[in-house]
Amino acid sequence: MIGNERHGLVGVIFGDIFRHGKLPMLLLISVLGSALAVVTISHKTRLLTAQREQLVLERDALDIEWRNLILEENALGDHSRVERIANDKLHMQHVDPSQEIIVVQQ
């Protein structure tokens, strides 16, 4: 040292880095930035995967409900069931072809 000058250790380190270590510092910042980006993207990917799984489960539940509704519709619309209800509750009967009257509008 020339004279009695005293320099702080932190000042000497940063002075060396800024004078001689610009490329290593740039590489260090790039590595840290890319590591942070990897962590962030991994977290978002996990969230989206969990959301997708939830939507698949919801889709499957809706598909099962749809199939049950189709079965119920087929059961309620069955010809024999409709005919039985018409006979029992509405007291309807089949018409003899001799009693049929066809109306034609001109």
PDB file of N, CA and C in Angstrom:
ATOM      1  N   MET A   1       0.826  -1.184   0.000  1.00  0.00           N
ATOM      2  CA  MET A   1       0.000   0.000   0.000  1.00  0.00           C
ATOM      3  C   MET A   1       0.868   1.246   0.000  1.00  0.00           C
ATOM      4  N   ILE A   2       0.387   2.237  -0.692  1.00  0.00           N
ATOM      5  CA  ILE A   2       1.107   3.504  -0.736  1.00  0.00           C
ATOM      6  C   ILE A   2       0.578   4.370   0.386  1.00  0.00           C
ATOM      7  N   GLY A   3       1.380   4.777   1.253  1.00  0.00           N
ATOM      8  CA  GLY A   3       0.965   5.632   2.357  1.00  0.00           C
ATOM      9  C   GLY A   3       0.172   4.830   3.365  1.00  0.00           C
ATOM     10  N   ASN A   4      -0.673   5.495   4.058  1.00  0.00           N
ATOM     11  CA  ASN A   4      -1.507   4.866   5.057  1.00  0.00           C
ATOM     12  C   ASN A   4      -2.970   4.802   4.608  1.00  0.00           C
ATOM     13  N   GLU A   5      -3.199   4.546   3.331  1.00  0.00           N
ATOM     14  CA  GLU A   5      -4.573   4.469   2.831  1.00  0.00           C
ATOM     15  C   GLU A   5      -5.195   3.161   3.278  1.00  0.00           C
ATOM     16  N   ARG A   6      -6.423   3.242   3.685  1.00  0.00           N
ATOM     17  CA  ARG A   6      -7.144   2.038   4.096  1.00  0.00           C
ATOM     18  C   ARG A   6      -8.373   1.916   3.206  1.00  0.00           C
ATOM     19  N   HIS A   7      -8.533   0.759   2.652  1.00  0.00           N
ATOM     20  CA  HIS A   7      -9.686   0.491   1.805  1.00  0.00           C
ATOM     21  C   HIS A   7     -10.495  -0.627   2.453  1.00  0.00           C
ATOM     22  N   GLY A   8     -11.814  -0.495   2.374  1.00  0.00           N
ATOM     23  CA  GLY A   8     -12.655  -1.550   2.918  1.00  0.00           C
ATOM     24  C   GLY A   8     -12.603  -2.777   2.007  1.00  0.00           C
ATOM     25  N   LEU A   9     -12.737  -3.925   2.607  1.00  0.00           N
ATOM     26  CA  LEU A   9     -12.670  -5.173   1.856  1.00  0.00           C
ATOM     27  C   LEU A   9     -13.780  -5.244   0.809  1.00  0.00           C
ATOM     28  N   VAL A  10     -14.980  -4.828   1.193  1.00  0.00           N
ATOM     29  CA  VAL A  10     -16.103  -4.864   0.267  1.00  0.00           C
ATOM     30  C   VAL A  10     -15.825  -3.954  -0.925  1.00  0.00           C
ATOM     31  N   GLY A  11     -15.261  -2.789  -0.685  1.00  0.00           N
ATOM     32  CA  GLY A  11     -14.934  -1.869  -1.769  1.00  0.00           C
ATOM     33  C   GLY A  11     -13.898  -2.442  -2.708  1.00  0.00           C
ATOM     34  N   VAL A  12     -12.889  -3.119  -2.166  1.00  0.00           N
ATOM     35  CA  VAL A  12     -11.855  -3.723  -2.992  1.00  0.00           C
ATOM     36  C   VAL A  12     -12.451  -4.843  -3.847  1.00  0.00           C
ATOM     37  N   ILE A  13     -13.321  -5.675  -3.248  1.00  0.00           N
ATOM     38  CA  ILE A  13     -13.921  -6.797  -3.990  1.00  0.00           C
ATOM     39  C   ILE A  13     -14.781  -6.272  -5.128  1.00  0.00           C
ATOM     40  N   PHE A  14     -15.667  -5.332  -4.836  1.00  0.00           N
ATOM     41  CA  PHE A  14     -16.525  -4.791  -5.893  1.00  0.00           C
ATOM     42  C   PHE A  14     -15.722  -4.042  -6.952  1.00  0.00           C
ATOM     43  N   GLY A  15     -14.645  -3.368  -6.524  1.00  0.00           N
ATOM     44  CA  GLY A  15     -13.788  -2.695  -7.496  1.00  0.00           C
ATOM     45  C   GLY A  15     -13.152  -3.689  -8.453  1.00  0.00           C
ATOM     46  N   ASP A  16     -12.675  -4.821  -7.928  1.00  0.00           N
ATOM     47  CA  ASP A  16     -12.096  -5.858  -8.786  1.00  0.00           C
ATOM     48  C   ASP A  16     -13.141  -6.454  -9.718  1.00  0.00           C
ATOM     49  N   ILE A  17     -14.314  -6.696  -9.177  1.00  0.00           N
ATOM     50  CA  ILE A  17     -15.374  -7.292 -10.000  1.00  0.00           C
ATOM     51  C   ILE A  17     -15.735  -6.367 -11.143  1.00  0.00           C
ATOM     52  N   PHE A  18     -15.921  -5.110 -10.861  1.00  0.00           N
ATOM     53  CA  PHE A  18     -16.331  -4.189 -11.923  1.00  0.00           C
ATOM     54  C   PHE A  18     -15.207  -3.883 -12.903  1.00  0.00           C
ATOM     55  N   ARG A  19     -13.947  -3.990 -12.469  1.00  0.00           N
ATOM     56  CA  ARG A  19     -12.837  -3.745 -13.376  1.00  0.00           C
ATOM     57  C   ARG A  19     -12.477  -4.974 -14.208  1.00  0.00           C
ATOM     58  N   HIS A  20     -12.455  -6.139 -13.593  1.00  0.00           N
ATOM     59  CA  HIS A  20     -11.919  -7.315 -14.265  1.00  0.00           C
ATOM     60  C   HIS A  20     -12.934  -8.449 -14.433  1.00  0.00           C
ATOM     61  N   GLY A  21     -14.046  -8.396 -13.745  1.00  0.00           N
ATOM     62  CA  GLY A  21     -14.940  -9.543 -13.749  1.00  0.00           C
ATOM     63  C   GLY A  21     -16.321  -9.264 -14.314  1.00  0.00           C
ATOM     64  N   LYS A  22     -16.381  -8.460 -15.354  1.00  0.00           N
ATOM     65  CA  LYS A  22     -17.699  -8.154 -15.913  1.00  0.00           C
ATOM     66  C   LYS A  22     -18.349  -9.376 -16.562  1.00  0.00           C
ATOM     67  N   LEU A  23     -17.592 -10.149 -17.289  1.00  0.00           N
ATOM     68  CA  LEU A  23     -18.149 -11.335 -17.945  1.00  0.00           C
ATOM     69  C   LEU A  23     -18.608 -12.383 -16.924  1.00  0.00           C
ATOM     70  N   PRO A  24     -17.783 -12.731 -15.921  1.00  0.00           N
ATOM     71  CA  PRO A  24     -18.270 -13.690 -14.916  1.00  0.00           C
ATOM     72  C   PRO A  24     -19.514 -13.177 -14.167  1.00  0.00           C
ATOM     73  N   MET A  25     -19.541 -11.870 -13.891  1.00  0.00           N
ATOM     74  CA  MET A  25     -20.701 -11.300 -13.205  1.00  0.00           C
ATOM     75  C   MET A  25     -21.940 -11.395 -14.092  1.00  0.00           C
ATOM     76  N   LEU A  26     -21.776 -11.121 -15.363  1.00  0.00           N
ATOM     77  CA  LEU A  26     -22.889 -11.229 -16.303  1.00  0.00           C
ATOM     78  C   LEU A  26     -23.381 -12.674 -16.387  1.00  0.00           C
ATOM     79  N   LEU A  27     -22.448 -13.622 -16.429  1.00  0.00           N
ATOM     80  CA  LEU A  27     -22.818 -15.033 -16.465  1.00  0.00           C
ATOM     81  C   LEU A  27     -23.528 -15.460 -15.180  1.00  0.00           C
ATOM     82  N   LEU A  28     -23.062 -14.981 -14.039  1.00  0.00           N
ATOM     83  CA  LEU A  28     -23.703 -15.299 -12.763  1.00  0.00           C
ATOM     84  C   LEU A  28     -25.137 -14.776 -12.722  1.00  0.00           C
ATOM     85  N   ILE A  29     -25.329 -13.552 -13.169  1.00  0.00           N
ATOM     86  CA  ILE A  29     -26.680 -12.969 -13.201  1.00  0.00           C
ATOM     87  C   ILE A  29     -27.563 -13.741 -14.168  1.00  0.00           C
ATOM     88  N   SER A  30     -27.005 -14.153 -15.310  1.00  0.00           N
ATOM     89  CA  SER A  30     -27.782 -14.946 -16.274  1.00  0.00           C
ATOM     90  C   SER A  30     -28.182 -16.296 -15.701  1.00  0.00           C
ATOM     91  N   VAL A  31     -27.274 -16.953 -15.011  1.00  0.00           N
ATOM     92  CA  VAL A  31     -27.573 -18.255 -14.404  1.00  0.00           C
ATOM     93  C   VAL A  31     -28.648 -18.113 -13.338  1.00  0.00           C
ATOM     94  N   LEU A  32     -28.529 -17.099 -12.489  1.00  0.00           N
ATOM     95  CA  LEU A  32     -29.534 -16.882 -11.452  1.00  0.00           C
ATOM     96  C   LEU A  32     -30.901 -16.543 -12.061  1.00  0.00           C
ATOM     97  N   GLY A  33     -30.885 -15.742 -13.108  1.00  0.00           N
ATOM     98  CA  GLY A  33     -32.153 -15.400 -13.777  1.00  0.00           C
ATOM     99  C   GLY A  33     -32.806 -16.611 -14.418  1.00  0.00           C
ATOM    100  N   SER A  34     -32.005 -17.435 -15.070  1.00  0.00           N
ATOM    101  CA  SER A  34     -32.583 -18.632 -15.693  1.00  0.00           C
ATOM    102  C   SER A  34     -33.060 -19.623 -14.637  1.00  0.00           C
ATOM    103  N   ALA A  35     -32.360 -19.724 -13.509  1.00  0.00           N
ATOM    104  CA  ALA A  35     -32.803 -20.612 -12.426  1.00  0.00           C
ATOM    105  C   ALA A  35     -34.140 -20.133 -11.865  1.00  0.00           C
ATOM    106  N   LEU A  36     -34.279 -18.837 -11.689  1.00  0.00           N
ATOM    107  CA  LEU A  36     -35.543 -18.280 -11.213  1.00  0.00           C
ATOM    108  C   LEU A  36     -36.661 -18.526 -12.217  1.00  0.00           C
ATOM    109  N   ALA A  37     -36.359 -18.405 -13.493  1.00  0.00           N
ATOM    110  CA  ALA A  37     -37.370 -18.666 -14.526  1.00  0.00           C
ATOM    111  C   ALA A  37     -37.783 -20.141 -14.523  1.00  0.00           C
ATOM    112  N   VAL A  38     -36.831 -21.056 -14.336  1.00  0.00           N
ATOM    113  CA  VAL A  38     -37.154 -22.486 -14.292  1.00  0.00           C
ATOM    114  C   VAL A  38     -38.073 -22.791 -13.109  1.00  0.00           C
ATOM    115  N   VAL A  39     -37.769 -22.217 -11.961  1.00  0.00           N
ATOM    116  CA  VAL A  39     -38.599 -22.441 -10.775  1.00  0.00           C
ATOM    117  C   VAL A  39     -40.006 -21.900 -11.000  1.00  0.00           C
ATOM    118  N   THR A  40     -40.116 -20.710 -11.556  1.00  0.00           N
ATOM    119  CA  THR A  40     -41.424 -20.101 -11.799  1.00  0.00           C
ATOM    120  C   THR A  40     -42.233 -20.912 -12.802  1.00  0.00           C
ATOM    121  N   ILE A  41     -41.613 -21.323 -13.881  1.00  0.00           N
ATOM    122  CA  ILE A  41     -42.325 -22.096 -14.910  1.00  0.00           C
ATOM    123  C   ILE A  41     -42.727 -23.465 -14.374  1.00  0.00           C
ATOM    124  N   SER A  42     -41.868 -24.092 -13.563  1.00  0.00           N
ATOM    125  CA  SER A  42     -42.213 -25.387 -12.970  1.00  0.00           C
ATOM    126  C   SER A  42     -43.421 -25.257 -12.054  1.00  0.00           C
ATOM    127  N   HIS A  43     -43.456 -24.185 -11.276  1.00  0.00           N
ATOM    128  CA  HIS A  43     -44.591 -23.954 -10.377  1.00  0.00           C
ATOM    129  C   HIS A  43     -45.883 -23.752 -11.170  1.00  0.00           C
ATOM    130  N   LYS A  44     -45.826 -22.938 -12.207  1.00  0.00           N
ATOM    131  CA  LYS A  44     -47.013 -22.699 -13.032  1.00  0.00           C
ATOM    132  C   LYS A  44     -47.459 -23.981 -13.731  1.00  0.00           C
ATOM    133  N   THR A  45     -46.499 -24.791 -14.177  1.00  0.00           N
ATOM    134  CA  THR A  45     -46.835 -26.057 -14.831  1.00  0.00           C
ATOM    135  C   THR A  45     -47.544 -26.992 -13.861  1.00  0.00           C
ATOM    136  N   ARG A  46     -47.070 -27.060 -12.634  1.00  0.00           N
ATOM    137  CA  ARG A  46     -47.733 -27.907 -11.632  1.00  0.00           C
ATOM    138  C   ARG A  46     -49.148 -27.423 -11.358  1.00  0.00           C
ATOM    139  N   LEU A  47     -49.333 -26.106 -11.260  1.00  0.00           N
ATOM    140  CA  LEU A  47     -50.679 -25.572 -11.034  1.00  0.00           C
ATOM    141  C   LEU A  47     -51.603 -25.910 -12.196  1.00  0.00           C
ATOM    142  N   LEU A  48     -51.108 -25.749 -13.414  1.00  0.00           N
ATOM    143  CA  LEU A  48     -51.935 -26.046 -14.585  1.00  0.00           C
ATOM    144  C   LEU A  48     -52.237 -27.535 -14.699  1.00  0.00           C
ATOM    145  N   THR A  49     -51.284 -28.383 -14.319  1.00  0.00           N
ATOM    146  CA  THR A  49     -51.519 -29.827 -14.342  1.00  0.00           C
ATOM    147  C   THR A  49     -52.590 -30.203 -13.327  1.00  0.00           C
ATOM    148  N   ALA A  50     -52.528 -29.625 -12.140  1.00  0.00           N
ATOM    149  CA  ALA A  50     -53.547 -29.903 -11.126  1.00  0.00           C
ATOM    150  C   ALA A  50     -54.918 -29.411 -11.589  1.00  0.00           C
ATOM    151  N   GLN A  51     -54.954 -28.242 -12.211  1.00  0.00           N
ATOM    152  CA  GLN A  51     -56.221 -27.711 -12.733  1.00  0.00           C
ATOM    153  C   GLN A  51     -56.761 -28.609 -13.839  1.00  0.00           C
ATOM    154  N   ARG A  52     -55.896 -29.106 -14.687  1.00  0.00           N
ATOM    155  CA  ARG A  52     -56.324 -29.999 -15.778  1.00  0.00           C
ATOM    156  C   ARG A  52     -56.907 -31.285 -15.211  1.00  0.00           C
ATOM    157  N   GLU A  53     -56.259 -31.840 -14.201  1.00  0.00           N
ATOM    158  CA  GLU A  53     -56.764 -33.062 -13.574  1.00  0.00           C
ATOM    159  C   GLU A  53     -58.154 -32.823 -12.973  1.00  0.00           C
ATOM    160  N   GLN A  54     -58.335 -31.664 -12.348  1.00  0.00           N
ATOM    161  CA  GLN A  54     -59.638 -31.327 -11.769  1.00  0.00           C
ATOM    162  C   GLN A  54     -60.692 -31.223 -12.869  1.00  0.00           C
ATOM    163  N   LEU A  55     -60.348 -30.612 -13.985  1.00  0.00           N
ATOM    164  CA  LEU A  55     -61.290 -30.483 -15.092  1.00  0.00           C
ATOM    165  C   LEU A  55     -61.612 -31.834 -15.725  1.00  0.00           C
ATOM    166  N   VAL A  56     -60.624 -32.735 -15.778  1.00  0.00           N
ATOM    167  CA  VAL A  56     -60.881 -34.077 -16.310  1.00  0.00           C
ATOM    168  C   VAL A  56     -61.861 -34.817 -15.403  1.00  0.00           C
ATOM    169  N   LEU A  57     -61.676 -34.700 -14.088  1.00  0.00           N
ATOM    170  CA  LEU A  57     -62.609 -35.333 -13.148  1.00  0.00           C
ATOM    171  C   LEU A  57     -64.014 -34.758 -13.293  1.00  0.00           C
ATOM    172  N   GLU A  58     -64.095 -33.448 -13.449  1.00  0.00           N
ATOM    173  CA  GLU A  58     -65.400 -32.797 -13.636  1.00  0.00           C
ATOM    174  C   GLU A  58     -66.050 -33.253 -14.940  1.00  0.00           C
ATOM    175  N   ARG A  59     -65.251 -33.372 -15.999  1.00  0.00           N
ATOM    176  CA  ARG A  59     -65.770 -33.846 -17.281  1.00  0.00           C
ATOM    177  C   ARG A  59     -66.305 -35.264 -17.164  1.00  0.00           C
ATOM    178  N   ASP A  60     -65.576 -36.121 -16.454  1.00  0.00           N
ATOM    179  CA  ASP A  60     -66.021 -37.496 -16.280  1.00  0.00           C
ATOM    180  C   ASP A  60     -67.336 -37.559 -15.496  1.00  0.00           C
ATOM    181  N   ALA A  61     -67.447 -36.721 -14.454  1.00  0.00           N
ATOM    182  CA  ALA A  61     -68.685 -36.693 -13.674  1.00  0.00           C
ATOM    183  C   ALA A  61     -69.852 -36.220 -14.538  1.00  0.00           C
ATOM    184  N   LEU A  62     -69.617 -35.201 -15.354  1.00  0.00           N
ATOM    185  CA  LEU A  62     -70.671 -34.705 -16.240  1.00  0.00           C
ATOM    186  C   LEU A  62     -71.039 -35.740 -17.298  1.00  0.00           C
ATOM    187  N   ASP A  63     -70.057 -36.481 -17.774  1.00  0.00           N
ATOM    188  CA  ASP A  63     -70.327 -37.535 -18.756  1.00  0.00           C
ATOM    189  C   ASP A  63     -71.196 -38.628 -18.145  1.00  0.00           C
ATOM    190  N   ILE A  64     -70.903 -39.008 -16.916  1.00  0.00           N
ATOM    191  CA  ILE A  64     -71.716 -40.021 -16.232  1.00  0.00           C
ATOM    192  C   ILE A  64     -73.142 -39.503 -16.023  1.00  0.00           C
ATOM    193  N   GLU A  65     -73.262 -38.249 -15.616  1.00  0.00           N
ATOM    194  CA  GLU A  65     -74.597 -37.664 -15.427  1.00  0.00           C
ATOM    195  C   GLU A  65     -75.365 -37.628 -16.748  1.00  0.00           C
ATOM    196  N   TRP A  66     -74.674 -37.293 -17.839  1.00  0.00           N
ATOM    197  CA  TRP A  66     -75.308 -37.249 -19.159  1.00  0.00           C
ATOM    198  C   TRP A  66     -75.820 -38.637 -19.554  1.00  0.00           C
ATOM    199  N   ARG A  67     -75.005 -39.653 -19.322  1.00  0.00           N
ATOM    200  CA  ARG A  67     -75.428 -41.014 -19.661  1.00  0.00           C
ATOM    201  C   ARG A  67     -76.644 -41.440 -18.836  1.00  0.00           C
ATOM    202  N   ASN A  68     -76.641 -41.066 -17.562  1.00  0.00           N
ATOM    203  CA  ASN A  68     -77.789 -41.390 -16.719  1.00  0.00           C
ATOM    204  C   ASN A  68     -79.049 -40.671 -17.200  1.00  0.00           C
ATOM    205  N   LEU A  69     -78.899 -39.433 -17.634  1.00  0.00           N
ATOM    206  CA  LEU A  69     -80.053 -38.700 -18.148  1.00  0.00           C
ATOM    207  C   LEU A  69     -80.571 -39.315 -19.446  1.00  0.00           C
ATOM    208  N   ILE A  70     -79.680 -39.783 -20.290  1.00  0.00           N
ATOM    209  CA  ILE A  70     -80.105 -40.455 -21.527  1.00  0.00           C
ATOM    210  C   ILE A  70     -80.872 -41.731 -21.181  1.00  0.00           C
ATOM    211  N   LEU A  71     -80.357 -42.497 -20.225  1.00  0.00           N
ATOM    212  CA  LEU A  71     -81.060 -43.716 -19.810  1.00  0.00           C
ATOM    213  C   LEU A  71     -82.434 -43.385 -19.231  1.00  0.00           C
ATOM    214  N   GLU A  72     -82.493 -42.328 -18.422  1.00  0.00           N
ATOM    215  CA  GLU A  72     -83.773 -41.926 -17.837  1.00  0.00           C
ATOM    216  C   GLU A  72     -84.745 -41.466 -18.911  1.00  0.00           C
ATOM    217  N   GLU A  73     -84.250 -40.726 -19.881  1.00  0.00           N
ATOM    218  CA  GLU A  73     -85.100 -40.265 -20.979  1.00  0.00           C
ATOM    219  C   GLU A  73     -85.650 -41.461 -21.766  1.00  0.00           C
ATOM    220  N   ASN A  74     -84.797 -42.439 -22.029  1.00  0.00           N
ATOM    221  CA  ASN A  74     -85.246 -43.628 -22.754  1.00  0.00           C
ATOM    222  C   ASN A  74     -86.275 -44.416 -21.949  1.00  0.00           C
ATOM    223  N   ALA A  75     -86.059 -44.486 -20.629  1.00  0.00           N
ATOM    224  CA  ALA A  75     -87.000 -45.234 -19.790  1.00  0.00           C
ATOM    225  C   ALA A  75     -88.340 -44.512 -19.710  1.00  0.00           C
ATOM    226  N   LEU A  76     -88.305 -43.185 -19.579  1.00  0.00           N
ATOM    227  CA  LEU A  76     -89.560 -42.418 -19.467  1.00  0.00           C
ATOM    228  C   LEU A  76     -90.296 -42.349 -20.792  1.00  0.00           C
ATOM    229  N   GLY A  77     -89.596 -42.437 -21.887  1.00  0.00           N
ATOM    230  CA  GLY A  77     -90.228 -42.343 -23.196  1.00  0.00           C
ATOM    231  C   GLY A  77     -90.553 -43.693 -23.804  1.00  0.00           C
ATOM    232  N   ASP A  78     -90.410 -44.763 -23.044  1.00  0.00           N
ATOM    233  CA  ASP A  78     -90.696 -46.099 -23.554  1.00  0.00           C
ATOM    234  C   ASP A  78     -92.165 -46.194 -23.958  1.00  0.00           C
ATOM    235  N   HIS A  79     -92.417 -46.813 -25.112  1.00  0.00           N
ATOM    236  CA  HIS A  79     -93.762 -46.872 -25.677  1.00  0.00           C
ATOM    237  C   HIS A  79     -94.744 -47.564 -24.740  1.00  0.00           C
ATOM    238  N   SER A  80     -94.329 -48.669 -24.133  1.00  0.00           N
ATOM    239  CA  SER A  80     -95.246 -49.400 -23.253  1.00  0.00           C
ATOM    240  C   SER A  80     -95.588 -48.589 -22.004  1.00  0.00           C
ATOM    241  N   ARG A  81     -94.646 -47.822 -21.492  1.00  0.00           N
ATOM    242  CA  ARG A  81     -94.900 -46.976 -20.315  1.00  0.00           C
ATOM    243  C   ARG A  81     -95.882 -45.866 -20.665  1.00  0.00           C
ATOM    244  N   VAL A  82     -95.679 -45.224 -21.813  1.00  0.00           N
ATOM    245  CA  VAL A  82     -96.571 -44.150 -22.238  1.00  0.00           C
ATOM    246  C   VAL A  82     -97.981 -44.702 -22.460  1.00  0.00           C
ATOM    247  N   GLU A  83     -98.062 -45.867 -23.063  1.00  0.00           N
ATOM    248  CA  GLU A  83     -99.371 -46.470 -23.322  1.00  0.00           C
ATOM    249  C   GLU A  83    -100.073 -46.834 -22.008  1.00  0.00           C
ATOM    250  N   ARG A  84     -99.329 -47.362 -21.055  1.00  0.00           N
ATOM    251  CA  ARG A  84     -99.912 -47.725 -19.763  1.00  0.00           C
ATOM    252  C   ARG A  84    -100.430 -46.487 -19.028  1.00  0.00           C
ATOM    253  N   ILE A  85     -99.654 -45.409 -19.036  1.00  0.00           N
ATOM    254  CA  ILE A  85    -100.096 -44.170 -18.386  1.00  0.00           C
ATOM    255  C   ILE A  85    -101.327 -43.617 -19.089  1.00  0.00           C
ATOM    256  N   ALA A  86    -101.350 -43.672 -20.406  1.00  0.00           N
ATOM    257  CA  ALA A  86    -102.513 -43.189 -21.153  1.00  0.00           C
ATOM    258  C   ALA A  86    -103.759 -44.005 -20.802  1.00  0.00           C
ATOM    259  N   ASN A  87    -103.611 -45.296 -20.627  1.00  0.00           N
ATOM    260  CA  ASN A  87    -104.752 -46.141 -20.271  1.00  0.00           C
ATOM    261  C   ASN A  87    -105.190 -45.920 -18.830  1.00  0.00           C
ATOM    262  N   ASP A  88    -104.246 -45.912 -17.881  1.00  0.00           N
ATOM    263  CA  ASP A  88    -104.573 -45.869 -16.457  1.00  0.00           C
ATOM    264  C   ASP A  88    -104.996 -44.476 -15.997  1.00  0.00           C
ATOM    265  N   LYS A  89    -104.209 -43.473 -16.292  1.00  0.00           N
ATOM    266  CA  LYS A  89    -104.472 -42.135 -15.744  1.00  0.00           C
ATOM    267  C   LYS A  89    -105.408 -41.303 -16.611  1.00  0.00           C
ATOM    268  N   LEU A  90    -105.274 -41.435 -17.927  1.00  0.00           N
ATOM    269  CA  LEU A  90    -106.066 -40.588 -18.830  1.00  0.00           C
ATOM    270  C   LEU A  90    -107.259 -41.322 -19.432  1.00  0.00           C
ATOM    271  N   HIS A  91    -107.384 -42.609 -19.129  1.00  0.00           N
ATOM    272  CA  HIS A  91    -108.485 -43.440 -19.622  1.00  0.00           C
ATOM    273  C   HIS A  91    -108.605 -43.374 -21.140  1.00  0.00           C
ATOM    274  N   MET A  92    -107.486 -43.442 -21.811  1.00  0.00           N
ATOM    275  CA  MET A  92    -107.469 -43.426 -23.275  1.00  0.00           C
ATOM    276  C   MET A  92    -107.452 -44.862 -23.782  1.00  0.00           C
ATOM    277  N   GLN A  93    -108.018 -45.067 -24.955  1.00  0.00           N
ATOM    278  CA  GLN A  93    -108.058 -46.395 -25.546  1.00  0.00           C
ATOM    279  C   GLN A  93    -107.724 -46.281 -27.025  1.00  0.00           C
ATOM    280  N   HIS A  94    -107.353 -47.417 -27.612  1.00  0.00           N
ATOM    281  CA  HIS A  94    -107.090 -47.442 -29.047  1.00  0.00           C
ATOM    282  C   HIS A  94    -108.405 -47.249 -29.797  1.00  0.00           C
ATOM    283  N   VAL A  95    -108.354 -46.559 -30.902  1.00  0.00           N
ATOM    284  CA  VAL A  95    -109.530 -46.319 -31.733  1.00  0.00           C
ATOM    285  C   VAL A  95    -109.616 -47.421 -32.785  1.00  0.00           C
ATOM    286  N   ASP A  96    -110.827 -47.954 -32.953  1.00  0.00           N
ATOM    287  CA  ASP A  96    -111.037 -48.932 -34.019  1.00  0.00           C
ATOM    288  C   ASP A  96    -110.948 -48.215 -35.355  1.00  0.00           C
ATOM    289  N   PRO A  97    -110.364 -48.867 -36.344  1.00  0.00           N
ATOM    290  CA  PRO A  97    -110.281 -48.222 -37.661  1.00  0.00           C
ATOM    291  C   PRO A  97    -111.663 -47.845 -38.227  1.00  0.00           C
ATOM    292  N   SER A  98    -112.696 -48.539 -37.828  1.00  0.00           N
ATOM    293  CA  SER A  98    -114.031 -48.209 -38.324  1.00  0.00           C
ATOM    294  C   SER A  98    -114.560 -46.919 -37.709  1.00  0.00           C
ATOM    295  N   GLN A  99    -114.009 -46.503 -36.569  1.00  0.00           N
ATOM    296  CA  GLN A  99    -114.470 -45.285 -35.898  1.00  0.00           C
ATOM    297  C   GLN A  99    -113.592 -44.075 -36.233  1.00  0.00           C
ATOM    298  N   GLU A 100    -112.553 -44.278 -36.965  1.00  0.00           N
ATOM    299  CA  GLU A 100    -111.654 -43.186 -37.306  1.00  0.00           C
ATOM    300  C   GLU A 100    -112.312 -42.230 -38.288  1.00  0.00           C
ATOM    301  N   ILE A 101    -112.086 -40.939 -38.062  1.00  0.00           N
ATOM    302  CA  ILE A 101    -112.576 -39.912 -38.980  1.00  0.00           C
ATOM    303  C   ILE A 101    -111.350 -39.090 -39.374  1.00  0.00           C
ATOM    304  N   ILE A 102    -111.119 -39.001 -40.666  1.00  0.00           N
ATOM    305  CA  ILE A 102    -109.989 -38.250 -41.172  1.00  0.00           C
ATOM    306  C   ILE A 102    -110.503 -36.921 -41.699  1.00  0.00           C
ATOM    307  N   VAL A 103    -109.945 -35.837 -41.204  1.00  0.00           N
ATOM    308  CA  VAL A 103    -110.336 -34.487 -41.604  1.00  0.00           C
ATOM    309  C   VAL A 103    -109.250 -33.943 -42.510  1.00  0.00           C
ATOM    310  N   VAL A 104    -109.671 -33.481 -43.671  1.00  0.00           N
ATOM    311  CA  VAL A 104    -108.739 -32.921 -44.645  1.00  0.00           C
ATOM    312  C   VAL A 104    -109.143 -31.483 -44.872  1.00  0.00           C
ATOM    313  N   GLN A 105    -108.238 -30.564 -44.700  1.00  0.00           N
ATOM    314  CA  GLN A 105    -108.516 -29.144 -44.909  1.00  0.00           C
ATOM    315  C   GLN A 105    -107.966 -28.731 -46.269  1.00  0.00           C
ATOM    316  N   GLN A 106    -108.781 -28.029 -47.034  1.00  0.00           N
ATOM    317  CA  GLN A 106    -108.337 -27.620 -48.376  1.00  0.00           C
ATOM    318  C   GLN A 106    -107.992 -26.172 -48.429  1.00  0.00           C
TER     319      GLN A 106
END
